[in-house]
Amino acid sequence: MDILKAATDWGRAEAFSISFFILFGIVFIVTGLGFWQLGKTEFARAFIYPVSIAGIFLLVSGLGLFFSNKARVGGFESAYQQDSTAFVASEIERVDKTIATYQTAAFKVFPAIAIIGALLIMFMQKPVWQATGVAVVVTMMVFMVIDSNAKARLEDYKVELDAFASNQK
């Protein structure tokens, strides 16, 4: 088992997954522009800012994650060449922290925020608040879907790291 290949494959898969944040960010921004140009009703015009802001948030999040992931993957080979045992140990520690973060964010915080957005839709009568609720719910759904897949991929990577670490002993 080549752990360097596994780490690099995980990093590439993560970069592909992160590109969906960027894609959805662009789609949201274009949608906001569409509401701005074509929205004739008060409700349609209410979507301009919430959807555009959500798009900017997704785009910035995606770009930040993409470049930090690219830098991390670029350093895998040199870190592995210096000390493979330390590389695997640091990756296991990082993966454990990240899985715990996913567990909290993707399965507790994001659903709670989506529920708040749904409550805005149901109980607020002004179109801008309802549009904000829709944008919040859809944005949190995007985060939950992408992060749940990333968490599953990370758990598979952790199994490979653990197997490699136990073979080194």
Protein backbone atom coordinates (compact mmCIF):
# COMPACT_ATOMS: atom_id res chain seq x y z
CA MET A 1 0.00 0.00 0.00
CA ASP A 2 1.42 3.33 -1.02
CA ILE A 3 0.24 5.88 1.53
CA LEU A 4 1.63 8.80 -0.46
CA LYS A 5 -0.57 7.79 -3.41
CA ALA A 6 -3.56 7.40 -1.09
CA ALA A 7 -2.95 10.86 0.40
CA THR A 8 -2.56 12.44 -3.03
CA ASP A 9 -5.68 10.68 -4.36
CA TRP A 10 -7.63 11.89 -1.34
CA GLY A 11 -6.37 15.45 -1.93
CA ARG A 12 -7.38 15.36 -5.58
CA ALA A 13 -10.82 14.00 -4.74
CA GLU A 14 -11.18 16.72 -2.12
CA ALA A 15 -10.25 19.39 -4.68
CA PHE A 16 -12.89 18.01 -7.04
CA SER A 17 -15.47 18.10 -4.24
CA ILE A 18 -14.48 21.64 -3.28
CA SER A 19 -15.00 22.75 -6.87
CA PHE A 20 -18.74 22.19 -6.30
CA PHE A 21 -18.71 25.01 -3.72
CA ILE A 22 -17.24 27.23 -6.41
CA LEU A 23 -19.75 26.01 -9.01
CA PHE A 24 -22.74 26.56 -6.73
CA GLY A 25 -21.37 29.97 -5.75
CA ILE A 26 -21.25 31.00 -9.40
CA VAL A 27 -24.74 29.58 -10.00
CA PHE A 28 -26.12 31.53 -7.01
CA ILE A 29 -24.47 34.76 -8.17
CA VAL A 30 -25.82 34.32 -11.70
CA THR A 31 -29.24 33.56 -10.22
CA GLY A 32 -29.08 36.78 -8.18
CA LEU A 33 -28.18 38.70 -11.32
CA GLY A 34 -31.07 37.01 -13.10
CA PHE A 35 -33.50 38.11 -10.40
CA TRP A 36 -32.06 41.62 -10.65
CA GLN A 37 -32.51 41.78 -14.42
CA LEU A 38 -35.71 39.77 -14.85
CA GLY A 39 -37.50 39.96 -11.50
CA LYS A 40 -40.73 41.90 -11.91
CA THR A 41 -42.60 41.04 -8.71
CA GLU A 42 -41.71 42.14 -5.20
CA PHE A 43 -41.08 38.51 -4.23
CA ALA A 44 -38.73 37.89 -7.17
CA ARG A 45 -36.78 41.10 -6.46
CA ALA A 46 -36.49 40.07 -2.80
CA PHE A 47 -34.17 37.24 -3.87
CA ILE A 48 -31.51 39.52 -5.38
CA TYR A 49 -29.44 40.17 -2.26
CA PRO A 50 -29.91 36.94 -0.27
CA VAL A 51 -29.05 34.68 -3.21
CA SER A 52 -26.14 36.87 -4.31
CA ILE A 53 -24.70 37.01 -0.79
CA ALA A 54 -25.07 33.24 -0.44
CA GLY A 55 -23.28 32.84 -3.78
CA ILE A 56 -20.41 35.06 -2.71
CA PHE A 57 -20.18 33.10 0.56
CA LEU A 58 -20.04 29.77 -1.31
CA LEU A 59 -17.55 31.11 -3.84
CA VAL A 60 -15.20 32.54 -1.23
CA SER A 61 -15.47 29.37 0.91
CA GLY A 62 -14.75 27.18 -2.10
CA LEU A 63 -11.79 29.23 -3.27
CA GLY A 64 -10.29 29.35 0.22
CA LEU A 65 -10.66 25.60 0.68
CA PHE A 66 -9.35 24.90 -2.82
CA PHE A 67 -6.13 26.86 -2.40
CA SER A 68 -5.45 25.61 1.13
CA ASN A 69 -6.04 22.03 -0.03
CA LYS A 70 -3.78 22.54 -3.05
CA ALA A 71 -0.98 23.78 -0.79
CA ARG A 72 -1.45 20.85 1.60
CA VAL A 73 -1.37 18.25 -1.19
CA GLY A 74 1.70 19.92 -2.69
CA GLY A 75 3.55 19.36 0.59
CA PHE A 76 2.64 15.68 0.96
CA GLU A 77 5.62 14.30 -0.96
CA SER A 78 8.28 16.32 0.80
CA ALA A 79 6.75 15.65 4.24
CA TYR A 80 6.58 11.93 3.44
CA GLN A 81 10.18 11.86 2.16
CA GLN A 82 11.47 13.59 5.31
CA ASP A 83 9.78 11.20 7.75
CA SER A 84 7.02 8.83 6.65
CA THR A 85 6.09 7.89 10.22
CA ALA A 86 5.68 11.52 11.27
CA PHE A 87 3.74 12.26 8.07
CA VAL A 88 1.26 9.46 8.76
CA ALA A 89 0.94 10.44 12.43
CA SER A 90 0.26 14.08 11.53
CA GLU A 91 -2.25 13.06 8.86
CA ILE A 92 -4.07 10.79 11.32
CA GLU A 93 -4.25 13.63 13.84
CA ARG A 94 -5.48 16.10 11.20
CA VAL A 95 -8.04 13.63 9.85
CA ASP A 96 -9.40 12.93 13.34
CA LYS A 97 -9.84 16.66 14.02
CA THR A 98 -11.47 17.22 10.64
CA ILE A 99 -13.90 14.32 11.08
CA ALA A 100 -14.92 15.72 14.47
CA THR A 101 -15.44 19.13 12.86
CA TYR A 102 -17.59 17.59 10.11
CA GLN A 103 -19.60 15.74 12.74
CA THR A 104 -20.40 19.02 14.48
CA ALA A 105 -20.78 21.32 11.48
CA ALA A 106 -22.40 19.16 8.82
CA PHE A 107 -24.70 17.21 11.10
CA LYS A 108 -25.58 19.70 13.85
CA VAL A 109 -24.80 23.33 12.99
CA PHE A 110 -25.83 23.35 9.31
CA PRO A 111 -29.17 21.58 9.96
CA ALA A 112 -29.89 24.02 12.82
CA ILE A 113 -29.22 26.98 10.54
CA ALA A 114 -31.42 25.40 7.84
CA ILE A 115 -34.23 25.05 10.39
CA ILE A 116 -33.89 28.75 11.22
CA GLY A 117 -34.14 29.49 7.50
CA ALA A 118 -37.25 27.32 7.25
CA LEU A 119 -38.78 29.19 10.18
CA LEU A 120 -38.11 32.46 8.37
CA ILE A 121 -39.99 31.13 5.35
CA MET A 122 -42.95 30.00 7.44
CA PHE A 123 -43.36 32.84 9.91
CA MET A 124 -42.08 36.01 8.29
CA GLN A 125 -44.52 37.74 5.97
CA LYS A 126 -42.13 40.09 4.17
CA PRO A 127 -40.76 38.71 0.88
CA VAL A 128 -37.15 39.69 1.70
CA TRP A 129 -37.22 37.56 4.88
CA GLN A 130 -38.80 34.62 3.06
CA ALA A 131 -36.23 34.92 0.27
CA THR A 132 -33.49 35.04 2.90
CA GLY A 133 -34.91 31.87 4.44
CA VAL A 134 -34.91 30.11 1.07
CA ALA A 135 -31.31 31.19 0.39
CA VAL A 136 -30.22 30.01 3.85
CA VAL A 137 -31.92 26.61 3.49
CA VAL A 138 -30.48 25.98 0.02
CA THR A 139 -27.00 27.11 1.05
CA MET A 140 -27.01 24.83 4.09
CA MET A 141 -28.22 21.94 1.92
CA VAL A 142 -25.27 22.49 -0.41
CA PHE A 143 -22.88 22.49 2.56
CA MET A 144 -24.46 19.37 4.08
CA VAL A 145 -24.37 17.34 0.86
CA ILE A 146 -20.79 18.26 -0.02
CA ASP A 147 -19.51 17.90 3.54
CA SER A 148 -21.22 14.56 4.14
CA ASN A 149 -19.50 13.19 1.03
CA ALA A 150 -16.20 14.72 2.12
CA LYS A 151 -16.59 13.15 5.57
CA ALA A 152 -17.17 9.69 4.06
CA ARG A 153 -14.12 10.11 1.83
CA LEU A 154 -12.07 11.25 4.83
CA GLU A 155 -13.16 8.21 6.86
CA ASP A 156 -11.97 5.93 4.03
CA TYR A 157 -8.65 7.78 3.95
CA LYS A 158 -8.38 7.33 7.74
CA VAL A 159 -8.76 3.56 7.34
CA GLU A 160 -5.85 3.57 4.89
CA LEU A 161 -3.75 5.70 7.23
CA ASP A 162 -4.47 3.41 10.18
CA ALA A 163 -3.61 0.33 8.15
CA PHE A 164 -0.34 1.88 7.03
CA ALA A 165 0.51 2.98 10.59
CA SER A 166 -0.14 -0.50 11.97
CA ASN A 167 2.04 -2.06 9.24
CA GLN A 168 4.91 0.28 10.15
CA LYS A 169 5.03 -0.99 13.73
